[in-house]
């Protein structure tokens, strides 16, 4: 049984910005990498290895968010149709 949504929006559906998703994903990834590299339970290492870990996490999260936004846009175009922009 599906529960109907109580929210009715008069706005048209819009596609998600892939560039914005990449930027926000990179910020989230950088925060996660900073926490892991510099947090209380981090393994001792060089600054270069810590920087590589932060950059790797930022790139990974950015890629994940880009794929999610692009997939969402493709699915929305498929099911909503041509009026979707």
N, C-alpha and C. Protein backbone atom coordinates (compact mmCIF):
# COMPACT_ATOMS: atom_id res chain seq x y z
N UNK A 1 0.84 -1.17 0.00
CA UNK A 1 0.00 0.00 0.00
C UNK A 1 0.89 1.23 0.00
N UNK A 2 0.64 2.13 -0.91
CA UNK A 2 1.41 3.37 -0.98
C UNK A 2 0.69 4.47 -0.23
N UNK A 3 1.45 5.22 0.51
CA UNK A 3 0.89 6.35 1.24
C UNK A 3 1.03 7.59 0.36
N UNK A 4 -0.05 8.30 0.10
CA UNK A 4 0.04 9.47 -0.78
C UNK A 4 0.81 10.60 -0.10
N UNK A 5 1.47 11.39 -0.91
CA UNK A 5 2.22 12.53 -0.39
C UNK A 5 1.26 13.67 -0.08
N UNK A 6 1.49 14.32 1.04
CA UNK A 6 0.67 15.47 1.41
C UNK A 6 1.19 16.75 0.78
N UNK A 7 2.40 16.70 0.25
CA UNK A 7 3.01 17.89 -0.37
C UNK A 7 2.67 17.93 -1.85
N UNK A 8 2.06 19.01 -2.27
CA UNK A 8 1.76 19.20 -3.69
C UNK A 8 2.50 20.46 -4.15
N UNK A 9 3.45 20.27 -5.01
CA UNK A 9 4.24 21.38 -5.50
C UNK A 9 3.69 21.87 -6.83
N UNK A 10 3.63 23.17 -6.98
CA UNK A 10 3.20 23.73 -8.25
C UNK A 10 4.38 23.94 -9.19
N UNK A 11 5.59 23.75 -8.68
CA UNK A 11 6.79 23.91 -9.50
C UNK A 11 6.95 22.72 -10.43
N UNK A 12 7.53 23.02 -11.60
CA UNK A 12 7.86 21.93 -12.52
C UNK A 12 9.11 21.23 -12.02
N UNK A 13 9.20 19.97 -12.32
CA UNK A 13 10.39 19.22 -11.95
C UNK A 13 11.56 19.72 -12.79
N UNK A 14 12.70 19.84 -12.19
CA UNK A 14 13.89 20.30 -12.89
C UNK A 14 15.00 19.28 -12.70
N UNK A 15 15.91 19.26 -13.66
CA UNK A 15 17.02 18.32 -13.56
C UNK A 15 17.99 18.80 -12.50
N UNK A 16 18.70 17.86 -11.92
CA UNK A 16 19.72 18.19 -10.93
C UNK A 16 20.98 18.63 -11.64
N UNK A 17 21.65 19.60 -11.10
CA UNK A 17 22.90 20.08 -11.68
C UNK A 17 24.02 19.09 -11.34
N UNK A 18 24.63 18.55 -12.39
CA UNK A 18 25.71 17.59 -12.20
C UNK A 18 26.95 18.30 -11.64
N UNK A 19 27.20 19.53 -12.09
CA UNK A 19 28.35 20.28 -11.58
C UNK A 19 28.18 20.61 -10.09
N UNK A 20 26.97 20.97 -9.71
CA UNK A 20 26.71 21.27 -8.28
C UNK A 20 26.85 20.00 -7.45
N UNK A 21 26.39 18.88 -7.98
CA UNK A 21 26.53 17.61 -7.27
C UNK A 21 28.00 17.27 -7.09
N UNK A 22 28.81 17.52 -8.12
CA UNK A 22 30.25 17.24 -8.01
C UNK A 22 30.90 18.13 -6.96
N UNK A 23 30.54 19.41 -6.94
CA UNK A 23 31.13 20.32 -5.96
C UNK A 23 30.74 19.95 -4.54
N UNK A 24 29.47 19.68 -4.33
CA UNK A 24 29.02 19.31 -2.99
C UNK A 24 29.61 17.97 -2.56
N UNK A 25 29.71 17.03 -3.49
CA UNK A 25 30.32 15.74 -3.18
C UNK A 25 31.79 15.89 -2.82
N UNK A 26 32.49 16.78 -3.51
CA UNK A 26 33.90 17.02 -3.19
C UNK A 26 34.07 17.63 -1.81
N UNK A 27 33.17 18.53 -1.44
CA UNK A 27 33.24 19.14 -0.10
C UNK A 27 32.98 18.07 0.97
N UNK A 28 31.96 17.26 0.76
CA UNK A 28 31.66 16.20 1.72
C UNK A 28 32.82 15.21 1.82
N UNK A 29 33.38 14.85 0.67
CA UNK A 29 34.52 13.93 0.66
C UNK A 29 35.74 14.51 1.33
N UNK A 30 36.00 15.80 1.12
CA UNK A 30 37.14 16.43 1.77
C UNK A 30 36.95 16.44 3.29
N UNK A 31 35.73 16.71 3.74
CA UNK A 31 35.47 16.68 5.19
C UNK A 31 35.68 15.27 5.75
N UNK A 32 35.19 14.26 5.02
CA UNK A 32 35.38 12.88 5.46
C UNK A 32 36.85 12.51 5.47
N UNK A 33 37.59 12.92 4.43
CA UNK A 33 39.01 12.64 4.38
C UNK A 33 39.79 13.34 5.47
N UNK A 34 39.42 14.58 5.77
CA UNK A 34 40.07 15.31 6.87
C UNK A 34 39.83 14.61 8.20
N UNK A 35 38.61 14.20 8.41
CA UNK A 35 38.30 13.52 9.67
C UNK A 35 39.09 12.22 9.80
N UNK A 36 39.17 11.46 8.70
CA UNK A 36 39.89 10.19 8.76
C UNK A 36 41.40 10.41 8.90
N UNK A 37 41.94 11.37 8.15
CA UNK A 37 43.39 11.58 8.15
C UNK A 37 43.88 12.29 9.41
N UNK A 38 43.05 13.16 9.96
CA UNK A 38 43.50 13.96 11.09
C UNK A 38 42.72 13.70 12.37
N UNK A 39 41.77 12.79 12.31
CA UNK A 39 40.91 12.52 13.46
C UNK A 39 41.64 11.79 14.58
N UNK A 40 40.93 11.51 15.65
CA UNK A 40 41.56 10.91 16.83
C UNK A 40 42.04 9.48 16.62
N UNK A 41 41.52 8.76 15.64
CA UNK A 41 41.90 7.37 15.46
C UNK A 41 42.77 7.15 14.22
N UNK A 42 43.35 8.21 13.69
CA UNK A 42 44.13 8.05 12.47
C UNK A 42 45.46 7.37 12.74
N UNK A 43 45.93 6.67 11.73
CA UNK A 43 47.24 6.03 11.82
C UNK A 43 48.31 7.07 11.52
N UNK A 44 49.43 7.00 12.21
CA UNK A 44 50.47 7.98 11.93
C UNK A 44 50.99 7.82 10.50
N UNK A 45 51.22 8.92 9.85
CA UNK A 45 51.70 8.89 8.47
C UNK A 45 52.28 10.23 8.10
N UNK A 46 52.78 10.31 6.89
CA UNK A 46 53.36 11.57 6.43
C UNK A 46 52.26 12.51 5.97
N UNK A 47 52.64 13.76 5.79
CA UNK A 47 51.67 14.75 5.31
C UNK A 47 51.23 14.42 3.89
N UNK A 48 52.13 13.87 3.10
CA UNK A 48 51.77 13.51 1.72
C UNK A 48 50.73 12.40 1.69
N UNK A 49 50.86 11.42 2.57
CA UNK A 49 49.87 10.34 2.59
C UNK A 49 48.53 10.85 3.11
N UNK A 50 48.57 11.77 4.07
CA UNK A 50 47.32 12.36 4.56
C UNK A 50 46.64 13.18 3.47
N UNK A 51 47.43 13.95 2.72
CA UNK A 51 46.88 14.76 1.64
C UNK A 51 46.30 13.87 0.54
N UNK A 52 47.01 12.80 0.22
CA UNK A 52 46.50 11.87 -0.79
C UNK A 52 45.18 11.23 -0.35
N UNK A 53 45.07 10.94 0.93
CA UNK A 53 43.84 10.36 1.45
C UNK A 53 42.68 11.35 1.37
N UNK A 54 42.95 12.61 1.68
CA UNK A 54 41.91 13.64 1.61
C UNK A 54 41.47 13.87 0.17
N UNK A 55 42.43 13.97 -0.74
CA UNK A 55 42.10 14.18 -2.15
C UNK A 55 41.36 12.97 -2.72
N UNK A 56 41.78 11.79 -2.36
CA UNK A 56 41.11 10.59 -2.84
C UNK A 56 39.66 10.52 -2.37
N UNK A 57 39.43 10.86 -1.12
CA UNK A 57 38.06 10.85 -0.60
C UNK A 57 37.21 11.91 -1.30
N UNK A 58 37.78 13.10 -1.53
CA UNK A 58 37.04 14.16 -2.20
C UNK A 58 36.67 13.75 -3.63
N UNK A 59 37.61 13.16 -4.35
CA UNK A 59 37.33 12.72 -5.72
C UNK A 59 36.32 11.58 -5.74
N UNK A 60 36.44 10.67 -4.80
CA UNK A 60 35.50 9.55 -4.74
C UNK A 60 34.07 10.00 -4.47
N UNK A 61 33.90 10.89 -3.50
CA UNK A 61 32.56 11.38 -3.19
C UNK A 61 32.02 12.22 -4.33
N UNK A 62 32.88 13.02 -4.98
CA UNK A 62 32.43 13.83 -6.12
C UNK A 62 31.93 12.92 -7.24
N UNK A 63 32.67 11.87 -7.54
CA UNK A 63 32.26 10.94 -8.59
C UNK A 63 30.95 10.24 -8.22
N UNK A 64 30.82 9.84 -6.98
CA UNK A 64 29.60 9.19 -6.53
C UNK A 64 28.39 10.11 -6.70
N UNK A 65 28.55 11.37 -6.33
CA UNK A 65 27.44 12.32 -6.44
C UNK A 65 27.11 12.65 -7.90
N UNK A 66 28.12 12.72 -8.75
CA UNK A 66 27.89 12.97 -10.17
C UNK A 66 27.11 11.81 -10.78
N UNK A 67 27.49 10.59 -10.47
CA UNK A 67 26.79 9.43 -11.01
C UNK A 67 25.34 9.40 -10.51
N UNK A 68 25.14 9.71 -9.23
CA UNK A 68 23.78 9.71 -8.68
C UNK A 68 22.92 10.79 -9.35
N UNK A 69 23.45 11.98 -9.56
CA UNK A 69 22.68 13.05 -10.19
C UNK A 69 22.38 12.72 -11.65
N UNK A 70 23.35 12.20 -12.37
CA UNK A 70 23.13 11.85 -13.77
C UNK A 70 22.11 10.71 -13.90
N UNK A 71 22.20 9.73 -13.02
CA UNK A 71 21.24 8.63 -13.04
C UNK A 71 19.84 9.11 -12.72
N UNK A 72 19.72 9.98 -11.75
CA UNK A 72 18.42 10.54 -11.39
C UNK A 72 17.83 11.32 -12.57
N UNK A 73 18.67 12.12 -13.25
CA UNK A 73 18.19 12.88 -14.40
C UNK A 73 17.73 11.94 -15.53
N UNK A 74 18.49 10.89 -15.79
CA UNK A 74 18.13 9.96 -16.85
C UNK A 74 16.82 9.23 -16.53
N UNK A 75 16.66 8.81 -15.29
CA UNK A 75 15.43 8.12 -14.90
C UNK A 75 14.24 9.08 -14.97
N UNK A 76 14.43 10.32 -14.52
CA UNK A 76 13.34 11.29 -14.57
C UNK A 76 12.93 11.59 -16.00
N UNK A 77 13.91 11.72 -16.90
CA UNK A 77 13.58 11.96 -18.31
C UNK A 77 12.80 10.78 -18.89
N UNK A 78 13.18 9.61 -18.50
CA UNK A 78 12.53 8.40 -19.03
C UNK A 78 11.08 8.29 -18.56
N UNK A 79 10.83 8.59 -17.28
CA UNK A 79 9.49 8.38 -16.74
C UNK A 79 8.60 9.63 -16.80
N UNK A 80 9.19 10.80 -16.73
CA UNK A 80 8.39 12.02 -16.76
C UNK A 80 8.14 12.43 -18.21
N UNK A 81 9.14 12.29 -19.05
CA UNK A 81 8.93 12.56 -20.46
C UNK A 81 9.56 13.86 -20.91
N UNK A 82 9.08 14.35 -22.02
CA UNK A 82 9.68 15.53 -22.66
C UNK A 82 9.45 16.83 -21.90
N UNK A 83 8.39 16.93 -21.12
CA UNK A 83 8.15 18.18 -20.39
C UNK A 83 9.14 18.41 -19.26
N UNK A 84 9.91 17.38 -18.94
CA UNK A 84 10.92 17.48 -17.89
C UNK A 84 12.14 18.21 -18.45
N UNK A 85 12.62 19.20 -17.72
CA UNK A 85 13.80 19.94 -18.19
C UNK A 85 14.79 20.08 -17.10
